Amino acid sequence: RELDALSSTLDDAFSVLAPGGRIAIITFHSLEDRMVKERFNE
């Protein structure tokens, strides 16, 4: 359930991230890379 886990993690990580904090994600295929890119852009 990798894509489901990634999607929920992005939102939850943002909610617990302090101002100035960073999220760094290494992706390996277009599906997860696209999800990360789109969420960051949003």
All heavy atoms as atom14 arrays in JSON, in Angstrom:
{
  "sequence": "RELDALSSTLDDAFSVLAPGGRIAIITFHSLEDRMVKERFNE",
  "atom14_mask": [
    [1, 1, 1, 1, 1, 1, 1, 1, 1, 1, 1, 0, 0, 0],
    [1, 1, 1, 1, 1, 1, 1, 1, 1, 0, 0, 0, 0, 0],
    [1, 1, 1, 1, 1, 1, 1, 1, 0, 0, 0, 0, 0, 0],
    [1, 1, 1, 1, 1, 1, 1, 1, 0, 0, 0, 0, 0, 0],
    [1, 1, 1, 1, 1, 0, 0, 0, 0, 0, 0, 0, 0, 0],
    [1, 1, 1, 1, 1, 1, 1, 1, 0, 0, 0, 0, 0, 0],
    [1, 1, 1, 1, 1, 1, 0, 0, 0, 0, 0, 0, 0, 0],
    [1, 1, 1, 1, 1, 1, 0, 0, 0, 0, 0, 0, 0, 0],
    [1, 1, 1, 1, 1, 1, 1, 0, 0, 0, 0, 0, 0, 0],
    [1, 1, 1, 1, 1, 1, 1, 1, 0, 0, 0, 0, 0, 0],
    [1, 1, 1, 1, 1, 1, 1, 1, 0, 0, 0, 0, 0, 0],
    [1, 1, 1, 1, 1, 1, 1, 1, 0, 0, 0, 0, 0, 0],
    [1, 1, 1, 1, 1, 0, 0, 0, 0, 0, 0, 0, 0, 0],
    [1, 1, 1, 1, 1, 1, 1, 1, 1, 1, 1, 0, 0, 0],
    [1, 1, 1, 1, 1, 1, 0, 0, 0, 0, 0, 0, 0, 0],
    [1, 1, 1, 1, 1, 1, 1, 0, 0, 0, 0, 0, 0, 0],
    [1, 1, 1, 1, 1, 1, 1, 1, 0, 0, 0, 0, 0, 0],
    [1, 1, 1, 1, 1, 0, 0, 0, 0, 0, 0, 0, 0, 0],
    [1, 1, 1, 1, 1, 1, 1, 0, 0, 0, 0, 0, 0, 0],
    [1, 1, 1, 1, 0, 0, 0, 0, 0, 0, 0, 0, 0, 0],
    [1, 1, 1, 1, 0, 0, 0, 0, 0, 0, 0, 0, 0, 0],
    [1, 1, 1, 1, 1, 1, 1, 1, 1, 1, 1, 0, 0, 0],
    [1, 1, 1, 1, 1, 1, 1, 1, 0, 0, 0, 0, 0, 0],
    [1, 1, 1, 1, 1, 0, 0, 0, 0, 0, 0, 0, 0, 0],
    [1, 1, 1, 1, 1, 1, 1, 1, 0, 0, 0, 0, 0, 0],
    [1, 1, 1, 1, 1, 1, 1, 1, 0, 0, 0, 0, 0, 0],
    [1, 1, 1, 1, 1, 1, 1, 0, 0, 0, 0, 0, 0, 0],
    [1, 1, 1, 1, 1, 1, 1, 1, 1, 1, 1, 0, 0, 0],
    [1, 1, 1, 1, 1, 1, 1, 1, 1, 1, 0, 0, 0, 0],
    [1, 1, 1, 1, 1, 1, 0, 0, 0, 0, 0, 0, 0, 0],
    [1, 1, 1, 1, 1, 1, 1, 1, 0, 0, 0, 0, 0, 0],
    [1, 1, 1, 1, 1, 1, 1, 1, 1, 0, 0, 0, 0, 0],
    [1, 1, 1, 1, 1, 1, 1, 1, 0, 0, 0, 0, 0, 0],
    [1, 1, 1, 1, 1, 1, 1, 1, 1, 1, 1, 0, 0, 0],
    [1, 1, 1, 1, 1, 1, 1, 1, 0, 0, 0, 0, 0, 0],
    [1, 1, 1, 1, 1, 1, 1, 0, 0, 0, 0, 0, 0, 0],
    [1, 1, 1, 1, 1, 1, 1, 1, 1, 0, 0, 0, 0, 0],
    [1, 1, 1, 1, 1, 1, 1, 1, 1, 0, 0, 0, 0, 0],
    [1, 1, 1, 1, 1, 1, 1, 1, 1, 1, 1, 0, 0, 0],
    [1, 1, 1, 1, 1, 1, 1, 1, 1, 1, 1, 0, 0, 0],
    [1, 1, 1, 1, 1, 1, 1, 1, 0, 0, 0, 0, 0, 0],
    [1, 1, 1, 1, 1, 1, 1, 1, 1, 0, 0, 0, 0, 0]
  ],
  "atom14_positions": [
    [[0.84, -1.21, 0.0], [0.0, 0.0, 0.0], [0.88, 1.26, 0.0], [0.64, 2.22, 0.75], [-0.93, 0.01, 1.22], [-1.9, -1.16, 1.3], [-2.97, -1.07, 0.22], [-4.08, -1.98, 0.44], [-4.17, -3.21, -0.08], [-3.18, -3.66, -0.83], [-5.22, -3.95, 0.15], [0.0, 0.0, 0.0], [0.0, 0.0, 0.0], [0.0, 0.0, 0.0]],
    [[1.89, 1.25, -0.84], [2.91, 2.3, -0.78], [2.4, 3.69, -1.12], [2.75, 4.67, -0.45], [4.08, 1.92, -1.71], [4.85, 0.71, -1.23], [5.92, 0.27, -2.22], [6.54, 1.14, -2.87], [6.15, -0.94, -2.33], [0.0, 0.0, 0.0], [0.0, 0.0, 0.0], [0.0, 0.0, 0.0], [0.0, 0.0, 0.0], [0.0, 0.0, 0.0]],
    [[1.57, 3.8, -2.13], [1.1, 5.13, -2.52], [0.09, 5.69, -1.52], [0.08, 6.89, -1.25], [0.51, 5.1, -3.93], [1.53, 4.81, -5.05], [0.85, 4.78, -6.4], [2.65, 5.84, -5.05], [0.0, 0.0, 0.0], [0.0, 0.0, 0.0], [0.0, 0.0, 0.0], [0.0, 0.0, 0.0], [0.0, 0.0, 0.0], [0.0, 0.0, 0.0]],
    [[-0.74, 4.82, -0.96], [-1.68, 5.27, 0.08], [-0.9, 5.76, 1.3], [-1.24, 6.79, 1.9], [-2.6, 4.12, 0.49], [-3.59, 3.74, -0.6], [-3.81, 4.56, -1.5], [-4.11, 2.6, -0.56], [0.0, 0.0, 0.0], [0.0, 0.0, 0.0], [0.0, 0.0, 0.0], [0.0, 0.0, 0.0], [0.0, 0.0, 0.0], [0.0, 0.0, 0.0]],
    [[0.14, 5.01, 1.67], [0.94, 5.39, 2.83], [1.65, 6.72, 2.58], [1.7, 7.58, 3.47], [1.97, 4.29, 3.13], [0.0, 0.0, 0.0], [0.0, 0.0, 0.0], [0.0, 0.0, 0.0], [0.0, 0.0, 0.0], [0.0, 0.0, 0.0], [0.0, 0.0, 0.0], [0.0, 0.0, 0.0], [0.0, 0.0, 0.0], [0.0, 0.0, 0.0]],
    [[2.17, 6.9, 1.38], [2.88, 8.13, 1.07], [1.95, 9.33, 1.1], [2.29, 10.39, 1.65], [3.54, 8.02, -0.31], [4.28, 9.26, -0.82], [5.39, 9.67, 0.14], [4.85, 9.0, -2.22], [0.0, 0.0, 0.0], [0.0, 0.0, 0.0], [0.0, 0.0, 0.0], [0.0, 0.0, 0.0], [0.0, 0.0, 0.0], [0.0, 0.0, 0.0]],
    [[0.76, 9.19, 0.55], [-0.19, 10.3, 0.5], [-0.57, 10.78, 1.9], [-0.53, 11.98, 2.19], [-1.45, 9.88, -0.27], [-2.37, 10.94, -0.32], [0.0, 0.0, 0.0], [0.0, 0.0, 0.0], [0.0, 0.0, 0.0], [0.0, 0.0, 0.0], [0.0, 0.0, 0.0], [0.0, 0.0, 0.0], [0.0, 0.0, 0.0], [0.0, 0.0, 0.0]],
    [[-0.92, 9.84, 2.77], [-1.32, 10.24, 4.12], [-0.14, 10.78, 4.92], [-0.28, 11.69, 5.73], [-1.95, 9.04, 4.86], [-1.02, 8.0, 5.03], [0.0, 0.0, 0.0], [0.0, 0.0, 0.0], [0.0, 0.0, 0.0], [0.0, 0.0, 0.0], [0.0, 0.0, 0.0], [0.0, 0.0, 0.0], [0.0, 0.0, 0.0], [0.0, 0.0, 0.0]],
    [[1.05, 10.22, 4.66], [2.25, 10.67, 5.37], [2.58, 12.12, 5.04], [2.97, 12.9, 5.92], [3.45, 9.78, 5.03], [3.15, 8.43, 5.39], [4.7, 10.23, 5.76], [0.0, 0.0, 0.0], [0.0, 0.0, 0.0], [0.0, 0.0, 0.0], [0.0, 0.0, 0.0], [0.0, 0.0, 0.0], [0.0, 0.0, 0.0], [0.0, 0.0, 0.0]],
    [[2.44, 12.5, 3.77], [2.74, 13.87, 3.37], [1.9, 14.86, 4.16], [2.42, 15.85, 4.7], [2.52, 14.03, 1.87], [3.57, 13.38, 0.97], [3.08, 13.33, -0.48], [4.9, 14.12, 1.05], [0.0, 0.0, 0.0], [0.0, 0.0, 0.0], [0.0, 0.0, 0.0], [0.0, 0.0, 0.0], [0.0, 0.0, 0.0], [0.0, 0.0, 0.0]],
    [[0.6, 14.6, 4.24], [-0.28, 15.53, 4.95], [0.01, 15.55, 6.45], [0.04, 16.62, 7.08], [-1.74, 15.15, 4.71], [-2.17, 15.42, 3.27], [-1.58, 16.31, 2.63], [-3.07, 14.72, 2.77], [0.0, 0.0, 0.0], [0.0, 0.0, 0.0], [0.0, 0.0, 0.0], [0.0, 0.0, 0.0], [0.0, 0.0, 0.0], [0.0, 0.0, 0.0]],
    [[0.22, 14.37, 7.02], [0.47, 14.31, 8.46], [1.83, 14.91, 8.82], [1.99, 15.56, 9.86], [0.38, 12.87, 8.96], [-1.05, 12.36, 9.02], [-1.97, 13.2, 8.92], [-1.25, 11.14, 9.15], [0.0, 0.0, 0.0], [0.0, 0.0, 0.0], [0.0, 0.0, 0.0], [0.0, 0.0, 0.0], [0.0, 0.0, 0.0], [0.0, 0.0, 0.0]],
    [[2.82, 14.69, 7.96], [4.14, 15.25, 8.2], [4.1, 16.77, 8.17], [4.73, 17.44, 8.99], [5.15, 14.72, 7.18], [0.0, 0.0, 0.0], [0.0, 0.0, 0.0], [0.0, 0.0, 0.0], [0.0, 0.0, 0.0], [0.0, 0.0, 0.0], [0.0, 0.0, 0.0], [0.0, 0.0, 0.0], [0.0, 0.0, 0.0], [0.0, 0.0, 0.0]],
    [[3.34, 17.31, 7.22], [3.2, 18.77, 7.14], [2.61, 19.32, 8.43], [3.04, 20.37, 8.93], [2.33, 19.16, 5.95], [2.15, 20.64, 5.79], [3.06, 21.4, 5.07], [1.08, 21.3, 6.39], [2.91, 22.77, 4.94], [0.92, 22.68, 6.27], [1.84, 23.41, 5.54], [0.0, 0.0, 0.0], [0.0, 0.0, 0.0], [0.0, 0.0, 0.0]],
    [[1.63, 18.61, 8.98], [0.94, 19.11, 10.18], [1.83, 19.12, 11.41], [1.61, 19.92, 12.32], [-0.32, 18.28, 10.45], [0.01, 16.98, 10.91], [0.0, 0.0, 0.0], [0.0, 0.0, 0.0], [0.0, 0.0, 0.0], [0.0, 0.0, 0.0], [0.0, 0.0, 0.0], [0.0, 0.0, 0.0], [0.0, 0.0, 0.0], [0.0, 0.0, 0.0]],
    [[2.84, 18.24, 11.46], [3.72, 18.21, 12.64], [5.07, 18.86, 12.36], [5.95, 18.86, 13.23], [3.94, 16.76, 13.14], [2.62, 16.15, 13.59], [4.61, 15.89, 12.08], [0.0, 0.0, 0.0], [0.0, 0.0, 0.0], [0.0, 0.0, 0.0], [0.0, 0.0, 0.0], [0.0, 0.0, 0.0], [0.0, 0.0, 0.0], [0.0, 0.0, 0.0]],
    [[5.23, 19.44, 11.18], [6.49, 20.09, 10.82], [6.54, 21.51, 11.36], [5.61, 22.3, 11.15], [6.65, 20.09, 9.3], [8.01, 20.51, 8.73], [9.08, 19.46, 9.08], [7.92, 20.68, 7.21], [0.0, 0.0, 0.0], [0.0, 0.0, 0.0], [0.0, 0.0, 0.0], [0.0, 0.0, 0.0], [0.0, 0.0, 0.0], [0.0, 0.0, 0.0]],
    [[7.61, 21.85, 12.02], [7.78, 23.2, 12.57], [8.11, 24.19, 11.46], [8.64, 23.81, 10.41], [8.89, 23.2, 13.61], [0.0, 0.0, 0.0], [0.0, 0.0, 0.0], [0.0, 0.0, 0.0], [0.0, 0.0, 0.0], [0.0, 0.0, 0.0], [0.0, 0.0, 0.0], [0.0, 0.0, 0.0], [0.0, 0.0, 0.0], [0.0, 0.0, 0.0]],
    [[7.79, 25.47, 11.66], [8.2, 26.49, 10.68], [9.72, 26.42, 10.46], [10.49, 26.31, 11.42], [7.79, 27.8, 11.35], [6.65, 27.42, 12.23], [6.99, 26.05, 12.75], [0.0, 0.0, 0.0], [0.0, 0.0, 0.0], [0.0, 0.0, 0.0], [0.0, 0.0, 0.0], [0.0, 0.0, 0.0], [0.0, 0.0, 0.0], [0.0, 0.0, 0.0]],
    [[10.13, 26.47, 9.21], [11.54, 26.34, 8.89], [11.98, 24.89, 8.71], [13.1, 24.62, 8.27], [0.0, 0.0, 0.0], [0.0, 0.0, 0.0], [0.0, 0.0, 0.0], [0.0, 0.0, 0.0], [0.0, 0.0, 0.0], [0.0, 0.0, 0.0], [0.0, 0.0, 0.0], [0.0, 0.0, 0.0], [0.0, 0.0, 0.0], [0.0, 0.0, 0.0]],
    [[11.09, 23.97, 9.08], [11.4, 22.55, 8.94], [11.35, 22.1, 7.49], [10.72, 22.73, 6.65], [0.0, 0.0, 0.0], [0.0, 0.0, 0.0], [0.0, 0.0, 0.0], [0.0, 0.0, 0.0], [0.0, 0.0, 0.0], [0.0, 0.0, 0.0], [0.0, 0.0, 0.0], [0.0, 0.0, 0.0], [0.0, 0.0, 0.0], [0.0, 0.0, 0.0]],
    [[12.02, 20.99, 7.2], [12.09, 20.49, 5.83], [11.65, 19.03, 5.71], [11.87, 18.22, 6.61], [13.52, 20.63, 5.29], [13.94, 22.08, 5.04], [15.32, 22.14, 4.41], [15.7, 23.51, 4.07], [16.84, 23.84, 3.48], [17.7, 22.88, 3.15], [17.12, 25.11, 3.2], [0.0, 0.0, 0.0], [0.0, 0.0, 0.0], [0.0, 0.0, 0.0]],
    [[11.04, 18.74, 4.57], [10.72, 17.37, 4.2], [11.58, 17.04, 2.98], [11.53, 17.75, 1.97], [9.23, 17.2, 3.85], [8.35, 17.52, 5.07], [8.94, 15.79, 3.35], [6.86, 17.53, 4.78], [0.0, 0.0, 0.0], [0.0, 0.0, 0.0], [0.0, 0.0, 0.0], [0.0, 0.0, 0.0], [0.0, 0.0, 0.0], [0.0, 0.0, 0.0]],
    [[12.36, 15.98, 3.07], [13.22, 15.54, 1.97], [12.83, 14.11, 1.59], [12.85, 13.22, 2.45], [14.68, 15.6, 2.38], [0.0, 0.0, 0.0], [0.0, 0.0, 0.0], [0.0, 0.0, 0.0], [0.0, 0.0, 0.0], [0.0, 0.0, 0.0], [0.0, 0.0, 0.0], [0.0, 0.0, 0.0], [0.0, 0.0, 0.0], [0.0, 0.0, 0.0]],
    [[12.46, 13.91, 0.33], [11.97, 12.6, -0.11], [12.71, 12.15, -1.35], [12.77, 12.86, -2.36], [10.46, 12.63, -0.37], [9.71, 13.08, 0.9], [9.97, 11.26, -0.82], [8.2, 13.11, 0.75], [0.0, 0.0, 0.0], [0.0, 0.0, 0.0], [0.0, 0.0, 0.0], [0.0, 0.0, 0.0], [0.0, 0.0, 0.0], [0.0, 0.0, 0.0]],
    [[13.26, 10.94, -1.29], [13.92, 10.33, -2.44], [12.93, 9.36, -3.07], [12.49, 8.4, -2.42], [15.2, 9.59, -2.02], [16.17, 10.55, -1.33], [15.87, 8.96, -3.25], [17.35, 9.86, -0.66], [0.0, 0.0, 0.0], [0.0, 0.0, 0.0], [0.0, 0.0, 0.0], [0.0, 0.0, 0.0], [0.0, 0.0, 0.0], [0.0, 0.0, 0.0]],
    [[12.57, 9.62, -4.32], [11.62, 8.77, -5.04], [12.35, 7.93, -6.09], [13.45, 8.28, -6.52], [10.53, 9.6, -5.72], [11.13, 10.41, -6.76], [9.82, 10.51, -4.73], [0.0, 0.0, 0.0], [0.0, 0.0, 0.0], [0.0, 0.0, 0.0], [0.0, 0.0, 0.0], [0.0, 0.0, 0.0], [0.0, 0.0, 0.0], [0.0, 0.0, 0.0]],
    [[11.68, 6.85, -6.53], [12.32, 5.94, -7.48], [11.47, 5.61, -8.7], [11.93, 4.88, -9.58], [12.75, 4.65, -6.77], [13.92, 4.83, -5.87], [13.76, 5.23, -4.56], [15.21, 4.66, -6.34], [14.84, 5.43, -3.72], [16.31, 4.85, -5.52], [16.11, 5.24, -4.2], [0.0, 0.0, 0.0], [0.0, 0.0, 0.0], [0.0, 0.0, 0.0]],
    [[10.24, 6.1, -8.74], [9.45, 5.9, -9.96], [8.48, 7.07, -10.11], [8.24, 7.83, -9.17], [8.74, 4.55, -9.99], [7.8, 4.3, -8.85], [6.56, 4.89, -8.76], [7.92, 3.53, -7.74], [5.95, 4.48, -7.66], [6.75, 3.66, -7.03], [0.0, 0.0, 0.0], [0.0, 0.0, 0.0], [0.0, 0.0, 0.0], [0.0, 0.0, 0.0]],
    [[7.92, 7.19, -11.29], [7.16, 8.39, -11.65], [5.91, 8.58, -10.81], [5.51, 9.72, -10.54], [6.77, 8.34, -13.14], [5.98, 7.2, -13.41], [0.0, 0.0, 0.0], [0.0, 0.0, 0.0], [0.0, 0.0, 0.0], [0.0, 0.0, 0.0], [0.0, 0.0, 0.0], [0.0, 0.0, 0.0], [0.0, 0.0, 0.0], [0.0, 0.0, 0.0]],
    [[5.28, 7.5, -10.35], [4.04, 7.63, -9.59], [4.26, 8.33, -8.25], [3.56, 9.28, -7.9], [3.4, 6.25, -9.36], [2.94, 5.51, -10.61], [2.48, 4.11, -10.24], [1.81, 6.27, -11.3], [0.0, 0.0, 0.0], [0.0, 0.0, 0.0], [0.0, 0.0, 0.0], [0.0, 0.0, 0.0], [0.0, 0.0, 0.0], [0.0, 0.0, 0.0]],
    [[5.26, 7.85, -7.5], [5.52, 8.5, -6.2], [6.15, 9.87, -6.39], [5.85, 10.81, -5.64], [6.4, 7.59, -5.32], [7.74, 7.23, -5.9], [8.42, 6.12, -5.15], [7.75, 5.41, -4.35], [9.64, 5.91, -5.37], [0.0, 0.0, 0.0], [0.0, 0.0, 0.0], [0.0, 0.0, 0.0], [0.0, 0.0, 0.0], [0.0, 0.0, 0.0]],
    [[6.99, 10.02, -7.42], [7.62, 11.32, -7.67], [6.56, 12.37, -8.02], [6.61, 13.51, -7.55], [8.65, 11.21, -8.78], [9.43, 12.5, -8.96], [10.07, 12.94, -7.99], [9.41, 13.07, -10.06], [0.0, 0.0, 0.0], [0.0, 0.0, 0.0], [0.0, 0.0, 0.0], [0.0, 0.0, 0.0], [0.0, 0.0, 0.0], [0.0, 0.0, 0.0]],
    [[5.6, 11.97, -8.84], [4.53, 12.89, -9.23], [3.7, 13.3, -8.02], [3.33, 14.46, -7.86], [3.64, 12.22, -10.28], [2.65, 13.16, -10.97], [1.82, 12.4, -12.0], [2.68, 11.66, -12.92], [2.51, 10.37, -13.23], [1.53, 9.68, -12.69], [3.33, 9.79, -14.08], [0.0, 0.0, 0.0], [0.0, 0.0, 0.0], [0.0, 0.0, 0.0]],
    [[3.4, 12.34, -7.15], [2.61, 12.64, -5.95], [3.34, 13.63, -5.06], [2.75, 14.62, -4.58], [2.32, 11.36, -5.16], [1.53, 11.6, -3.89], [1.25, 10.09, -2.93], [0.09, 9.22, -3.99], [0.0, 0.0, 0.0], [0.0, 0.0, 0.0], [0.0, 0.0, 0.0], [0.0, 0.0, 0.0], [0.0, 0.0, 0.0], [0.0, 0.0, 0.0]],
    [[4.63, 13.41, -4.83], [5.42, 14.31, -3.98], [5.49, 15.69, -4.6], [5.27, 16.72, -3.93], [6.83, 13.74, -3.75], [7.72, 14.75, -3.04], [6.75, 12.45, -2.95], [0.0, 0.0, 0.0], [0.0, 0.0, 0.0], [0.0, 0.0, 0.0], [0.0, 0.0, 0.0], [0.0, 0.0, 0.0], [0.0, 0.0, 0.0], [0.0, 0.0, 0.0]],
    [[5.78, 15.76, -5.89], [5.9, 17.04, -6.59], [4.6, 17.83, -6.53], [4.6, 19.04, -6.22], [6.3, 16.8, -8.05], [6.48, 18.07, -8.86], [6.87, 17.74, -10.3], [7.02, 19.0, -11.14], [7.38, 18.69, -12.55], [0.0, 0.0, 0.0], [0.0, 0.0, 0.0], [0.0, 0.0, 0.0], [0.0, 0.0, 0.0], [0.0, 0.0, 0.0]],
    [[3.49, 17.16, -6.79], [2.2, 17.84, -6.8], [1.81, 18.33, -5.41], [1.27, 19.43, -5.25], [1.12, 16.92, -7.37], [1.26, 16.69, -8.87], [0.24, 15.71, -9.42], [-0.5, 15.1, -8.6], [0.19, 15.55, -10.65], [0.0, 0.0, 0.0], [0.0, 0.0, 0.0], [0.0, 0.0, 0.0], [0.0, 0.0, 0.0], [0.0, 0.0, 0.0]],
    [[2.08, 17.53, -4.37], [1.73, 17.94, -3.0], [2.59, 19.12, -2.57], [2.09, 20.07, -1.97], [1.9, 16.77, -2.04], [1.17, 16.95, -0.7], [-0.35, 16.95, -0.9], [-0.81, 15.77, -1.56], [-1.1, 14.6, -0.97], [-0.98, 14.48, 0.34], [-1.54, 13.59, -1.67], [0.0, 0.0, 0.0], [0.0, 0.0, 0.0], [0.0, 0.0, 0.0]],
    [[3.87, 19.07, -2.88], [4.75, 20.19, -2.54], [4.28, 21.47, -3.25], [4.22, 22.55, -2.65], [6.19, 19.89, -2.96], [6.93, 18.94, -2.03], [6.29, 18.33, -0.97], [8.28, 18.66, -2.24], [6.97, 17.46, -0.12], [8.97, 17.81, -1.41], [8.32, 17.2, -0.35], [0.0, 0.0, 0.0], [0.0, 0.0, 0.0], [0.0, 0.0, 0.0]],
    [[3.94, 21.33, -4.55], [3.47, 22.5, -5.31], [2.17, 23.06, -4.75], [1.96, 24.29, -4.74], [3.3, 22.14, -6.78], [4.62, 21.97, -7.5], [5.66, 22.43, -7.03], [4.61, 21.29, -8.64], [0.0, 0.0, 0.0], [0.0, 0.0, 0.0], [0.0, 0.0, 0.0], [0.0, 0.0, 0.0], [0.0, 0.0, 0.0], [0.0, 0.0, 0.0]],
    [[1.31, 22.17, -4.29], [0.03, 22.6, -3.7], [0.27, 23.43, -2.46], [-0.4, 24.46, -2.24], [-0.79, 21.35, -3.35], [-2.16, 21.62, -2.76], [-2.88, 20.33, -2.4], [-2.78, 19.35, -3.17], [-3.52, 20.31, -1.34], [0.0, 0.0, 0.0], [0.0, 0.0, 0.0], [0.0, 0.0, 0.0], [0.0, 0.0, 0.0], [0.0, 0.0, 0.0]]
  ]
}
